[in-house]
C-alpha atoms as a PDB file:
ATOM      1  CA  MET A   1     270.046  39.774 281.381  1.00  0.00           C
ATOM      2  CA  ASP A   2     269.434  40.433 277.686  1.00  0.00           C
ATOM      3  CA  ASP A   3     266.035  41.623 276.512  1.00  0.00           C
ATOM      4  CA  VAL A   4     265.205  38.946 273.935  1.00  0.00           C
ATOM      5  CA  TYR A   5     262.262  41.037 272.688  1.00  0.00           C
ATOM      6  CA  GLY A   6     264.346  44.093 271.862  1.00  0.00           C
ATOM      7  CA  GLU A   7     264.986  45.415 268.386  1.00  0.00           C
ATOM      8  CA  ALA A   8     267.940  43.216 267.461  1.00  0.00           C
ATOM      9  CA  ASN A   9     266.720  39.644 267.904  1.00  0.00           C
ATOM     10  CA  TRP A  10     263.763  39.303 265.520  1.00  0.00           C
ATOM     11  CA  SER A  11     262.907  38.141 262.040  1.00  0.00           C
ATOM     12  CA  LEU A  12     259.931  37.961 259.694  1.00  0.00           C
ATOM     13  CA  ARG A  13     259.003  34.745 257.982  1.00  0.00           C
ATOM     14  CA  PRO A  14     256.281  34.197 255.393  1.00  0.00           C
ATOM     15  CA  GLY A  15     252.896  33.255 256.793  1.00  0.00           C
ATOM     16  CA  ARG A  16     251.549  29.744 256.346  1.00  0.00           C
ATOM     17  CA  ALA A  17     248.004  28.396 256.439  1.00  0.00           C
ATOM     18  CA  GLU A  18     248.728  26.662 259.754  1.00  0.00           C
ATOM     19  CA  ASP A  19     249.491  30.048 261.364  1.00  0.00           C
ATOM     20  CA  VAL A  20     245.809  30.995 261.372  1.00  0.00           C
ATOM     21  CA  GLU A  21     244.951  29.567 264.805  1.00  0.00           C
ATOM     22  CA  PRO A  22     247.944  30.965 266.737  1.00  0.00           C
ATOM     23  CA  VAL A  23     247.296  34.350 265.076  1.00  0.00           C
ATOM     24  CA  ALA A  24     243.561  34.201 265.851  1.00  0.00           C
ATOM     25  CA  GLU A  25     244.335  33.431 269.489  1.00  0.00           C
ATOM     26  CA  LEU A  26     246.885  36.244 269.700  1.00  0.00           C
ATOM     27  CA  ARG A  27     244.332  38.653 268.221  1.00  0.00           C
ATOM     28  CA  ALA A  28     241.797  37.682 270.877  1.00  0.00           C
ATOM     29  CA  VAL A  29     244.325  38.294 273.649  1.00  0.00           C
ATOM     30  CA  VAL A  30     245.736  41.623 272.461  1.00  0.00           C
ATOM     31  CA  MET A  31     242.444  43.178 271.345  1.00  0.00           C
ATOM     32  CA  ARG A  32     240.366  42.078 274.321  1.00  0.00           C
ATOM     33  CA  ASP A  33     240.787  45.160 276.554  1.00  0.00           C
ATOM     34  CA  ASP A  34     240.073  47.662 273.760  1.00  0.00           C
ATOM     35  CA  LEU A  35     237.094  45.681 272.464  1.00  0.00           C
ATOM     36  CA  VAL A  36     235.659  45.317 275.982  1.00  0.00           C
ATOM     37  CA  ARG A  37     236.112  49.058 276.539  1.00  0.00           C
ATOM     38  CA  LEU A  38     234.231  49.734 273.290  1.00  0.00           C
ATOM     39  CA  GLY A  39     231.478  47.231 274.144  1.00  0.00           C
ATOM     40  CA  ARG A  40     232.420  45.094 271.116  1.00  0.00           C
ATOM     41  CA  TYR A  41     234.120  42.023 272.597  1.00  0.00           C
ATOM     42  CA  ASP A  42     232.714  38.675 271.537  1.00  0.00           C
ATOM     43  CA  GLU A  43     234.791  35.593 272.407  1.00  0.00           C
ATOM     44  CA  HIS A  44     233.966  33.799 269.132  1.00  0.00           C
ATOM     45  CA  ARG A  45     233.733  36.751 266.746  1.00  0.00           C
ATOM     46  CA  VAL A  46     237.173  38.172 267.630  1.00  0.00           C
ATOM     47  CA  ARG A  47     238.776  34.946 266.415  1.00  0.00           C
ATOM     48  CA  GLN A  48     236.417  34.248 263.519  1.00  0.00           C
ATOM     49  CA  ARG A  49     236.955  37.657 261.906  1.00  0.00           C
ATOM     50  CA  LEU A  50     240.662  36.865 261.718  1.00  0.00           C
ATOM     51  CA  ARG A  51     240.022  33.390 260.324  1.00  0.00           C
ATOM     52  CA  ASP A  52     237.664  34.774 257.677  1.00  0.00           C
ATOM     53  CA  GLY A  53     240.192  37.348 256.443  1.00  0.00           C
ATOM     54  CA  PHE A  54     243.483  35.518 257.005  1.00  0.00           C
ATOM     55  CA  SER A  55     245.756  35.581 253.976  1.00  0.00           C
ATOM     56  CA  PRO A  56     249.041  33.715 254.410  1.00  0.00           C
ATOM     57  CA  ALA A  57     250.276  35.186 251.114  1.00  0.00           C
ATOM     58  CA  TYR A  58     250.359  38.698 252.628  1.00  0.00           C
ATOM     59  CA  THR A  59     251.056  37.809 256.250  1.00  0.00           C
ATOM     60  CA  SER A  60     254.436  37.738 257.949  1.00  0.00           C
ATOM     61  CA  VAL A  61     255.018  35.995 261.246  1.00  0.00           C
ATOM     62  CA  ILE A  62     257.275  37.832 263.670  1.00  0.00           C
ATOM     63  CA  GLU A  63     259.700  35.529 265.415  1.00  0.00           C
ATOM     64  CA  VAL A  64     262.027  36.343 268.262  1.00  0.00           C
ATOM     65  CA  GLY A  65     264.801  33.856 268.798  1.00  0.00           C
ATOM     66  CA  GLY A  66     262.917  31.510 266.449  1.00  0.00           C
ATOM     67  CA  ALA A  67     259.703  31.611 268.527  1.00  0.00           C
ATOM     68  CA  PHE A  68     256.317  33.064 267.542  1.00  0.00           C
ATOM     69  CA  ALA A  69     256.026  36.643 268.857  1.00  0.00           C
ATOM     70  CA  GLY A  70     253.425  38.187 266.568  1.00  0.00           C
ATOM     71  CA  CYS A  71     252.288  38.833 263.043  1.00  0.00           C
ATOM     72  CA  VAL A  72     251.517  41.541 260.517  1.00  0.00           C
ATOM     73  CA  THR A  73     249.684  41.613 257.207  1.00  0.00           C
ATOM     74  CA  LEU A  74     250.553  44.007 254.399  1.00  0.00           C
ATOM     75  CA  ARG A  75     248.183  43.501 251.480  1.00  0.00           C
ATOM     76  CA  PRO A  76     247.618  45.533 248.323  1.00  0.00           C
ATOM     77  CA  TYR A  77     244.537  47.730 248.083  1.00  0.00           C
ATOM     78  CA  GLU A  78     241.703  46.030 246.297  1.00  0.00           C
ATOM     79  CA  GLU A  79     241.490  49.119 244.077  1.00  0.00           C
ATOM     80  CA  GLY A  80     244.264  51.590 243.364  1.00  0.00           C
ATOM     81  CA  GLU A  81     247.832  51.762 244.546  1.00  0.00           C
ATOM     82  CA  GLY A  82     249.027  51.247 248.062  1.00  0.00           C
ATOM     83  CA  PHE A  83     248.746  48.804 250.921  1.00  0.00           C
ATOM     84  CA  TRP A  84     246.584  47.978 253.916  1.00  0.00           C
ATOM     85  CA  LEU A  85     248.487  47.260 257.119  1.00  0.00           C
ATOM     86  CA  GLU A  86     246.381  44.784 259.089  1.00  0.00           C
ATOM     87  CA  HIS A  87     246.579  42.210 261.848  1.00  0.00           C
ATOM     88  CA  PHE A  88     249.654  43.744 263.472  1.00  0.00           C
ATOM     89  CA  TYR A  89     249.751  41.947 266.806  1.00  0.00           C
ATOM     90  CA  LEU A  90     252.579  41.358 269.237  1.00  0.00           C
ATOM     91  CA  ALA A  91     252.481  38.926 272.125  1.00  0.00           C
ATOM     92  CA  PRO A  92     251.961  40.864 275.377  1.00  0.00           C
ATOM     93  CA  GLU A  93     255.452  39.994 276.647  1.00  0.00           C
ATOM     94  CA  ALA A  94     256.957  41.464 273.446  1.00  0.00           C
ATOM     95  CA  GLN A  95     255.128  44.801 273.658  1.00  0.00           C
ATOM     96  CA  GLY A  96     256.747  48.039 274.790  1.00  0.00           C
ATOM     97  CA  ARG A  97     260.302  46.985 273.966  1.00  0.00           C
ATOM     98  CA  GLY A  98     260.845  48.515 270.526  1.00  0.00           C
ATOM     99  CA  LEU A  99     259.919  45.424 268.540  1.00  0.00           C
ATOM    100  CA  GLY A 100     256.728  46.902 267.069  1.00  0.00           C
ATOM    101  CA  THR A 101     258.589  50.029 265.993  1.00  0.00           C
ATOM    102  CA  ALA A 102     261.372  48.000 264.380  1.00  0.00           C
ATOM    103  CA  VAL A 103     258.952  45.756 262.471  1.00  0.00           C
ATOM    104  CA  LEU A 104     256.811  48.693 261.350  1.00  0.00           C
ATOM    105  CA  ARG A 105     259.857  50.632 260.140  1.00  0.00           C
ATOM    106  CA  GLU A 106     261.049  47.698 258.062  1.00  0.00           C
ATOM    107  CA  LEU A 107     257.644  47.380 256.402  1.00  0.00           C
ATOM    108  CA  LEU A 108     257.411  51.131 255.781  1.00  0.00           C
ATOM    109  CA  ASP A 109     260.893  51.153 254.247  1.00  0.00           C
ATOM    110  CA  ARG A 110     259.571  48.619 251.716  1.00  0.00           C
ATOM    111  CA  THR A 111     256.414  50.590 250.917  1.00  0.00           C
ATOM    112  CA  ASP A 112     258.349  53.866 250.719  1.00  0.00           C
ATOM    113  CA  GLY A 113     260.538  52.165 248.104  1.00  0.00           C
ATOM    114  CA  ASP A 114     257.374  51.471 246.113  1.00  0.00           C
ATOM    115  CA  GLY A 115     256.296  55.117 246.523  1.00  0.00           C
ATOM    116  CA  VAL A 116     252.767  54.214 247.639  1.00  0.00           C
ATOM    117  CA  PRO A 117     250.604  55.071 250.651  1.00  0.00           C
ATOM    118  CA  VAL A 118     249.735  52.707 253.482  1.00  0.00           C
ATOM    119  CA  ARG A 119     246.386  52.707 255.293  1.00  0.00           C
ATOM    120  CA  LEU A 120     245.331  51.040 258.495  1.00  0.00           C
ATOM    121  CA  ILE A 121     242.440  50.953 260.907  1.00  0.00           C
ATOM    122  CA  VAL A 122     243.062  51.260 264.635  1.00  0.00           C
ATOM    123  CA  LEU A 123     240.443  50.969 267.364  1.00  0.00           C
ATOM    124  CA  GLN A 124     239.306  54.181 269.037  1.00  0.00           C
ATOM    125  CA  GLY A 125     241.454  54.807 272.115  1.00  0.00           C
ATOM    126  CA  SER A 126     244.018  52.113 271.293  1.00  0.00           C
ATOM    127  CA  ALA A 127     247.546  52.730 272.564  1.00  0.00           C
ATOM    128  CA  ALA A 128     248.803  51.471 269.166  1.00  0.00           C
ATOM    129  CA  ARG A 129     247.707  54.762 267.602  1.00  0.00           C
ATOM    130  CA  ARG A 130     250.708  56.526 269.191  1.00  0.00           C
ATOM    131  CA  LEU A 131     253.102  54.136 267.429  1.00  0.00           C
ATOM    132  CA  TYR A 132     251.410  54.747 264.097  1.00  0.00           C
ATOM    133  CA  GLU A 133     251.456  58.531 264.544  1.00  0.00           C
ATOM    134  CA  ARG A 134     255.180  58.454 265.455  1.00  0.00           C
ATOM    135  CA  GLU A 135     255.820  56.635 262.187  1.00  0.00           C
ATOM    136  CA  GLY A 136     253.964  59.181 260.053  1.00  0.00           C
ATOM    137  CA  PHE A 137     250.378  57.908 259.915  1.00  0.00           C
ATOM    138  CA  ARG A 138     247.759  60.646 259.969  1.00  0.00           C
ATOM    139  CA  TYR A 139     244.066  60.662 260.747  1.00  0.00           C
ATOM    140  CA  GLU A 140     241.794  60.260 257.734  1.00  0.00           C
ATOM    141  CA  THR A 141     238.297  59.388 259.038  1.00  0.00           C
ATOM    142  CA  GLU A 142     236.641  57.707 261.999  1.00  0.00           C
ATOM    143  CA  ASP A 143     233.467  56.147 263.299  1.00  0.00           C
ATOM    144  CA  PRO A 144     232.506  55.256 266.882  1.00  0.00           C
ATOM    145  CA  VAL A 145     234.751  52.158 266.846  1.00  0.00           C
ATOM    146  CA  ASP A 146     237.520  52.639 264.249  1.00  0.00           C
ATOM    147  CA  VAL A 147     239.986  55.314 263.155  1.00  0.00           C
ATOM    148  CA  LEU A 148     241.248  55.130 259.559  1.00  0.00           C
ATOM    149  CA  MET A 149     244.816  56.401 259.208  1.00  0.00           C
ATOM    150  CA  VAL A 150     247.019  56.910 256.154  1.00  0.00           C
ATOM    151  CA  ARG A 151     250.734  57.372 255.634  1.00  0.00           C
ATOM    152  CA  THR A 152     252.137  58.783 252.432  1.00  0.00           C
ATOM    153  CA  PRO A 153     255.573  57.614 251.340  1.00  0.00           C
ATOM    154  CA  THR A 154     258.539  59.543 252.593  1.00  0.00           C
ATOM    155  CA  ALA A 155     261.581  60.394 250.538  1.00  0.00           C
ATOM    156  CA  ARG A 156     263.844  60.834 253.557  1.00  0.00           C
ATOM    157  CA  PRO A 157     266.186  57.966 254.349  1.00  0.00           C
ATOM    158  CA  ARG A 158     265.241  55.938 257.423  1.00  0.00           C
ATOM    159  CA  PRO A 159     267.709  54.282 259.748  1.00  0.00           C
ATOM    160  CA  ALA A 160     268.030  50.542 259.288  1.00  0.00           C
ATOM    161  CA  ALA A 161     265.733  48.507 261.516  1.00  0.00           C
ATOM    162  CA  GLY A 162     268.632  46.974 263.465  1.00  0.00           C
ATOM    163  CA  ARG A 163     268.525  43.199 263.556  1.00  0.00           C
END
């Protein structure tokens, strides 16, 4: 049986305004355990924060076999050069199969081509931090809830994100 969530069967499509609710729901599902662990889970707030900051212009929807499997936002810094990587969520059934790595590598290939850094915030204790560290993100600062990480562009060629 083929693993439909593996590296080869995915695509990114531009975000649309109507994606906000499926993305907000996915955020609530995938962040729940970490937010509960940190004492920060609120059923309404977890969705509303996404709605308040959702930007279809900078969001890509991850599809596997044409079906919604996640999303990621890559938006320019408000000041200075570089990007913020935000709202990178994969459906639970798509996690742990190489899809997140493949999507992240494609995005980082683009930003490396621009020669600019990428920053992100990951929750304290989140398993996602290991993925980011494997792909070159380094600790910058933290508070009791969030860890700010940064990745400077790399000049070394990266393997294609097989699709």
